[in-house]
């Protein structure tokens, strides 16, 4: 029997690890974006007074809604 010379060809470790790192990073970013967009804040961060329309704007809105 003849011995096979040379190394056994296996993919480098980075070809196996890089996709897993990208997947984990994508999941982490997705979780942060989902949390930011979908969950309501527990308390308002700053108080804003309600918007008040001027008389002219109220009249214009009333004309549009008629």
C-alpha atoms as a PDB file:
ATOM      1  CA  UNK A   1       0.000   0.000   0.000  1.00  0.00           C
ATOM      2  CA  UNK A   2       1.216   3.372  -0.876  1.00  0.00           C
ATOM      3  CA  UNK A   3       0.955   6.164   1.649  1.00  0.00           C
ATOM      4  CA  UNK A   4      -0.820   9.247   0.526  1.00  0.00           C
ATOM      5  CA  UNK A   5       1.457  12.204   0.646  1.00  0.00           C
ATOM      6  CA  UNK A   6       0.399  15.733   1.467  1.00  0.00           C
ATOM      7  CA  UNK A   7      -2.040  17.227   3.891  1.00  0.00           C
ATOM      8  CA  UNK A   8      -5.643  16.388   4.126  1.00  0.00           C
ATOM      9  CA  UNK A   9      -7.583  19.279   2.649  1.00  0.00           C
ATOM     10  CA  UNK A  10     -10.008  20.774   5.154  1.00  0.00           C
ATOM     11  CA  UNK A  11     -11.558  24.206   5.068  1.00  0.00           C
ATOM     12  CA  UNK A  12      -9.850  26.819   7.201  1.00  0.00           C
ATOM     13  CA  UNK A  13     -11.442  27.578  10.554  1.00  0.00           C
ATOM     14  CA  UNK A  14     -12.395  31.085   9.477  1.00  0.00           C
ATOM     15  CA  UNK A  15     -14.766  29.690   6.866  1.00  0.00           C
ATOM     16  CA  UNK A  16     -16.675  27.961   9.632  1.00  0.00           C
ATOM     17  CA  UNK A  17     -16.483  30.679  12.286  1.00  0.00           C
ATOM     18  CA  UNK A  18     -17.134  33.786  10.176  1.00  0.00           C
ATOM     19  CA  UNK A  19     -20.714  32.868   9.182  1.00  0.00           C
ATOM     20  CA  UNK A  20     -21.543  32.035  12.788  1.00  0.00           C
ATOM     21  CA  UNK A  21     -20.163  35.380  13.962  1.00  0.00           C
ATOM     22  CA  UNK A  22     -22.132  37.192  11.259  1.00  0.00           C
ATOM     23  CA  UNK A  23     -25.298  35.329  12.227  1.00  0.00           C
ATOM     24  CA  UNK A  24     -24.853  36.133  15.917  1.00  0.00           C
ATOM     25  CA  UNK A  25     -24.132  39.783  15.108  1.00  0.00           C
ATOM     26  CA  UNK A  26     -27.196  40.010  12.894  1.00  0.00           C
ATOM     27  CA  UNK A  27     -29.355  38.499  15.617  1.00  0.00           C
ATOM     28  CA  UNK A  28     -28.009  40.974  18.167  1.00  0.00           C
ATOM     29  CA  UNK A  29     -28.635  43.956  15.880  1.00  0.00           C
ATOM     30  CA  UNK A  30     -32.087  42.641  15.021  1.00  0.00           C
ATOM     31  CA  UNK A  31     -32.946  42.290  18.692  1.00  0.00           C
ATOM     32  CA  UNK A  32     -31.810  45.845  19.453  1.00  0.00           C
ATOM     33  CA  UNK A  33     -33.752  47.281  16.506  1.00  0.00           C
ATOM     34  CA  UNK A  34     -36.863  45.271  17.398  1.00  0.00           C
ATOM     35  CA  UNK A  35     -36.685  46.396  21.001  1.00  0.00           C
ATOM     36  CA  UNK A  36     -36.208  50.020  19.979  1.00  0.00           C
ATOM     37  CA  UNK A  37     -39.039  50.013  17.454  1.00  0.00           C
ATOM     38  CA  UNK A  38     -41.625  47.672  18.937  1.00  0.00           C
ATOM     39  CA  UNK A  39     -41.574  48.095  22.687  1.00  0.00           C
ATOM     40  CA  UNK A  40     -43.176  51.117  24.266  1.00  0.00           C
ATOM     41  CA  UNK A  41     -40.986  53.117  26.605  1.00  0.00           C
ATOM     42  CA  UNK A  42     -41.786  52.575  30.259  1.00  0.00           C
ATOM     43  CA  UNK A  43     -41.834  56.287  30.958  1.00  0.00           C
ATOM     44  CA  UNK A  44     -41.743  59.347  28.735  1.00  0.00           C
ATOM     45  CA  UNK A  45     -38.247  60.695  28.504  1.00  0.00           C
ATOM     46  CA  UNK A  46     -39.278  64.297  28.249  1.00  0.00           C
ATOM     47  CA  UNK A  47     -42.544  66.060  28.638  1.00  0.00           C
ATOM     48  CA  UNK A  48     -43.926  67.786  25.580  1.00  0.00           C
ATOM     49  CA  UNK A  49     -46.918  70.100  25.750  1.00  0.00           C
ATOM     50  CA  UNK A  50     -49.810  69.084  23.515  1.00  0.00           C
ATOM     51  CA  UNK A  51     -49.843  70.711  20.128  1.00  0.00           C
ATOM     52  CA  UNK A  52     -52.108  73.715  19.823  1.00  0.00           C
ATOM     53  CA  UNK A  53     -53.410  74.901  16.507  1.00  0.00           C
ATOM     54  CA  UNK A  54     -53.736  78.547  15.741  1.00  0.00           C
ATOM     55  CA  UNK A  55     -57.187  79.900  14.930  1.00  0.00           C
ATOM     56  CA  UNK A  56     -56.254  80.160  11.257  1.00  0.00           C
ATOM     57  CA  UNK A  57     -55.158  76.495  11.212  1.00  0.00           C
ATOM     58  CA  UNK A  58     -58.357  75.396  12.970  1.00  0.00           C
ATOM     59  CA  UNK A  59     -60.441  77.247  10.386  1.00  0.00           C
ATOM     60  CA  UNK A  60     -58.487  75.663   7.526  1.00  0.00           C
ATOM     61  CA  UNK A  61     -58.878  72.210   9.066  1.00  0.00           C
ATOM     62  CA  UNK A  62     -62.595  72.737   9.523  1.00  0.00           C
ATOM     63  CA  UNK A  63     -62.902  73.663   5.812  1.00  0.00           C
ATOM     64  CA  UNK A  64     -60.985  70.562   4.769  1.00  0.00           C
ATOM     65  CA  UNK A  65     -63.040  68.217   6.956  1.00  0.00           C
ATOM     66  CA  UNK A  66     -66.409  69.552   5.740  1.00  0.00           C
END
